[in-house]
């Protein structure tokens, strides 16, 4: 019953923009810290961004600061990742993540199934 459904991943040229969406269901979204992770081929899954329950605080991987923006709409149970100035090294499967026990993501309870983002040079 718990679902994190990602969408928006696609092939995009370097320098382009993309917005990922994650629609949550089956848990109390509005009280949960949310975030995004990614995993590139042959690499470990890494943290990308997180947002507090109310959207008042956000955190980013250093390499995406200034390019990516995380946001949420609690009325729609949706978290977004706006990605600008994309680079080939951003190519990865992007995963939506939820922490139902903390208002800011600390430990992931639920994962989305992933959305492929491919940035061509």
C-alpha atoms as a PDB file:
ATOM      1  CA  UNK A   1       0.000   0.000   0.000  1.00  0.00           C
ATOM      2  CA  UNK A   2       2.947   2.345   0.536  1.00  0.00           C
ATOM      3  CA  UNK A   3       3.996   3.796  -2.774  1.00  0.00           C
ATOM      4  CA  UNK A   4       6.439   6.384  -3.995  1.00  0.00           C
ATOM      5  CA  UNK A   5       5.798   6.774  -7.695  1.00  0.00           C
ATOM      6  CA  UNK A   6       8.483   8.695  -9.562  1.00  0.00           C
ATOM      7  CA  UNK A   7       8.037  10.208 -12.979  1.00  0.00           C
ATOM      8  CA  UNK A   8       9.755  12.683 -15.257  1.00  0.00           C
ATOM      9  CA  UNK A   9      13.032  10.958 -16.016  1.00  0.00           C
ATOM     10  CA  UNK A  10      14.142  10.953 -19.636  1.00  0.00           C
ATOM     11  CA  UNK A  11      17.016  11.594 -22.025  1.00  0.00           C
ATOM     12  CA  UNK A  12      18.162  15.208 -22.038  1.00  0.00           C
ATOM     13  CA  UNK A  13      21.124  17.082 -23.471  1.00  0.00           C
ATOM     14  CA  UNK A  14      23.797  18.587 -21.269  1.00  0.00           C
ATOM     15  CA  UNK A  15      22.746  22.032 -20.103  1.00  0.00           C
ATOM     16  CA  UNK A  16      19.092  21.134 -20.226  1.00  0.00           C
ATOM     17  CA  UNK A  17      16.496  20.936 -17.490  1.00  0.00           C
ATOM     18  CA  UNK A  18      14.211  18.282 -16.126  1.00  0.00           C
ATOM     19  CA  UNK A  19      11.710  18.013 -13.301  1.00  0.00           C
ATOM     20  CA  UNK A  20      11.140  14.787 -11.430  1.00  0.00           C
ATOM     21  CA  UNK A  21       7.943  14.180  -9.493  1.00  0.00           C
ATOM     22  CA  UNK A  22       7.216  11.693  -6.743  1.00  0.00           C
ATOM     23  CA  UNK A  23       3.631  11.036  -5.711  1.00  0.00           C
ATOM     24  CA  UNK A  24       3.357   9.392  -2.303  1.00  0.00           C
ATOM     25  CA  UNK A  25       0.566   7.265  -0.893  1.00  0.00           C
ATOM     26  CA  UNK A  26      -0.061   4.884   2.000  1.00  0.00           C
ATOM     27  CA  UNK A  27       1.639   6.899   4.757  1.00  0.00           C
ATOM     28  CA  UNK A  28       1.434  10.284   6.447  1.00  0.00           C
ATOM     29  CA  UNK A  29       3.284  12.298   3.869  1.00  0.00           C
ATOM     30  CA  UNK A  30       2.800  15.704   5.492  1.00  0.00           C
ATOM     31  CA  UNK A  31       4.715  14.644   8.642  1.00  0.00           C
ATOM     32  CA  UNK A  32       7.548  12.946   6.808  1.00  0.00           C
ATOM     33  CA  UNK A  33      10.906  14.148   5.679  1.00  0.00           C
ATOM     34  CA  UNK A  34      11.378  13.512   1.975  1.00  0.00           C
ATOM     35  CA  UNK A  35      14.350  13.331  -0.295  1.00  0.00           C
ATOM     36  CA  UNK A  36      15.993  12.191  -3.479  1.00  0.00           C
ATOM     37  CA  UNK A  37      18.903   9.839  -4.035  1.00  0.00           C
ATOM     38  CA  UNK A  38      20.580   8.667  -7.207  1.00  0.00           C
ATOM     39  CA  UNK A  39      22.674   5.773  -8.379  1.00  0.00           C
ATOM     40  CA  UNK A  40      24.909   5.960 -11.416  1.00  0.00           C
ATOM     41  CA  UNK A  41      26.157   2.847 -13.227  1.00  0.00           C
ATOM     42  CA  UNK A  42      28.897   1.165 -11.218  1.00  0.00           C
ATOM     43  CA  UNK A  43      28.569   3.576  -8.300  1.00  0.00           C
ATOM     44  CA  UNK A  44      27.021   3.587  -4.847  1.00  0.00           C
ATOM     45  CA  UNK A  45      23.663   5.188  -4.277  1.00  0.00           C
ATOM     46  CA  UNK A  46      24.181   8.740  -3.075  1.00  0.00           C
ATOM     47  CA  UNK A  47      22.115  11.409  -1.398  1.00  0.00           C
ATOM     48  CA  UNK A  48      21.018  14.236  -3.674  1.00  0.00           C
ATOM     49  CA  UNK A  49      18.525  16.418  -1.801  1.00  0.00           C
ATOM     50  CA  UNK A  50      16.170  16.477   1.171  1.00  0.00           C
ATOM     51  CA  UNK A  51      13.309  18.668   2.321  1.00  0.00           C
ATOM     52  CA  UNK A  52      11.662  19.038   5.706  1.00  0.00           C
ATOM     53  CA  UNK A  53       8.023  18.198   6.329  1.00  0.00           C
ATOM     54  CA  UNK A  54       6.807  21.775   5.835  1.00  0.00           C
ATOM     55  CA  UNK A  55       9.238  22.622   3.069  1.00  0.00           C
ATOM     56  CA  UNK A  56      11.015  25.133   5.276  1.00  0.00           C
ATOM     57  CA  UNK A  57      14.443  23.510   5.130  1.00  0.00           C
ATOM     58  CA  UNK A  58      16.319  21.833   2.319  1.00  0.00           C
ATOM     59  CA  UNK A  59      19.684  20.132   1.907  1.00  0.00           C
ATOM     60  CA  UNK A  60      21.739  19.230  -1.142  1.00  0.00           C
ATOM     61  CA  UNK A  61      24.651  17.221  -2.363  1.00  0.00           C
ATOM     62  CA  UNK A  62      27.460  19.714  -2.900  1.00  0.00           C
ATOM     63  CA  UNK A  63      27.790  18.970  -6.598  1.00  0.00           C
ATOM     64  CA  UNK A  64      24.144  19.847  -7.308  1.00  0.00           C
ATOM     65  CA  UNK A  65      23.895  23.015  -5.222  1.00  0.00           C
ATOM     66  CA  UNK A  66      22.733  25.921  -7.326  1.00  0.00           C
ATOM     67  CA  UNK A  67      21.478  23.604 -10.053  1.00  0.00           C
ATOM     68  CA  UNK A  68      18.869  21.402  -8.356  1.00  0.00           C
ATOM     69  CA  UNK A  69      15.904  22.490  -6.253  1.00  0.00           C
ATOM     70  CA  UNK A  70      13.771  20.210  -4.117  1.00  0.00           C
ATOM     71  CA  UNK A  71      10.214  21.209  -3.246  1.00  0.00           C
ATOM     72  CA  UNK A  72       7.035  19.626  -1.963  1.00  0.00           C
ATOM     73  CA  UNK A  73       3.293  20.106  -2.110  1.00  0.00           C
ATOM     74  CA  UNK A  74       1.711  18.441   0.900  1.00  0.00           C
ATOM     75  CA  UNK A  75      -1.803  18.972  -0.430  1.00  0.00           C
ATOM     76  CA  UNK A  76      -0.844  16.780  -3.391  1.00  0.00           C
ATOM     77  CA  UNK A  77       1.417  14.353  -1.490  1.00  0.00           C
ATOM     78  CA  UNK A  78       4.112  15.159  -4.002  1.00  0.00           C
ATOM     79  CA  UNK A  79       7.796  15.987  -3.841  1.00  0.00           C
ATOM     80  CA  UNK A  80       9.678  17.430  -6.806  1.00  0.00           C
ATOM     81  CA  UNK A  81      13.244  17.727  -7.950  1.00  0.00           C
ATOM     82  CA  UNK A  82      13.889  20.506 -10.434  1.00  0.00           C
ATOM     83  CA  UNK A  83      17.183  19.859 -12.203  1.00  0.00           C
ATOM     84  CA  UNK A  84      18.810  22.623 -14.221  1.00  0.00           C
ATOM     85  CA  UNK A  85      22.133  22.884 -16.036  1.00  0.00           C
ATOM     86  CA  UNK A  86      22.326  19.130 -16.250  1.00  0.00           C
ATOM     87  CA  UNK A  87      25.686  17.473 -16.771  1.00  0.00           C
ATOM     88  CA  UNK A  88      26.556  14.013 -18.097  1.00  0.00           C
ATOM     89  CA  UNK A  89      27.711  13.088 -14.604  1.00  0.00           C
ATOM     90  CA  UNK A  90      24.124  13.589 -13.413  1.00  0.00           C
ATOM     91  CA  UNK A  91      23.163  10.491 -15.378  1.00  0.00           C
ATOM     92  CA  UNK A  92      21.684   8.036 -12.900  1.00  0.00           C
ATOM     93  CA  UNK A  93      18.570   6.357 -11.670  1.00  0.00           C
ATOM     94  CA  UNK A  94      16.904   8.810  -9.307  1.00  0.00           C
ATOM     95  CA  UNK A  95      15.011   7.488  -6.302  1.00  0.00           C
ATOM     96  CA  UNK A  96      12.411   9.214  -4.185  1.00  0.00           C
ATOM     97  CA  UNK A  97      12.794   8.502  -0.457  1.00  0.00           C
ATOM     98  CA  UNK A  98      10.648   8.970   2.649  1.00  0.00           C
ATOM     99  CA  UNK A  99      11.462   9.095   6.361  1.00  0.00           C
ATOM    100  CA  UNK A 100       8.200   8.670   8.265  1.00  0.00           C
ATOM    101  CA  UNK A 101       9.858   8.966  11.698  1.00  0.00           C
ATOM    102  CA  UNK A 102      11.542  12.323  11.263  1.00  0.00           C
ATOM    103  CA  UNK A 103      10.428  15.686   9.989  1.00  0.00           C
ATOM    104  CA  UNK A 104      13.732  16.010   8.157  1.00  0.00           C
ATOM    105  CA  UNK A 105      15.018  12.938   6.355  1.00  0.00           C
ATOM    106  CA  UNK A 106      17.552  10.979   8.419  1.00  0.00           C
ATOM    107  CA  UNK A 107      16.832   7.310   7.786  1.00  0.00           C
ATOM    108  CA  UNK A 108      14.911   6.140   4.748  1.00  0.00           C
ATOM    109  CA  UNK A 109      11.828   4.044   5.448  1.00  0.00           C
ATOM    110  CA  UNK A 110      10.496   3.797   1.914  1.00  0.00           C
ATOM    111  CA  UNK A 111      12.004   4.006  -1.549  1.00  0.00           C
ATOM    112  CA  UNK A 112      10.534   4.668  -4.925  1.00  0.00           C
ATOM    113  CA  UNK A 113      11.342   2.327  -7.792  1.00  0.00           C
ATOM    114  CA  UNK A 114      13.495   4.845  -9.571  1.00  0.00           C
ATOM    115  CA  UNK A 115      13.392   7.044 -12.637  1.00  0.00           C
ATOM    116  CA  UNK A 116      16.157   7.020 -15.232  1.00  0.00           C
ATOM    117  CA  UNK A 117      17.785  10.326 -16.085  1.00  0.00           C
ATOM    118  CA  UNK A 118      20.266  10.253 -18.940  1.00  0.00           C
ATOM    119  CA  UNK A 119      22.221  13.383 -19.812  1.00  0.00           C
ATOM    120  CA  UNK A 120      23.953  13.267 -23.163  1.00  0.00           C
ATOM    121  CA  UNK A 121      27.026  15.273 -24.089  1.00  0.00           C
END
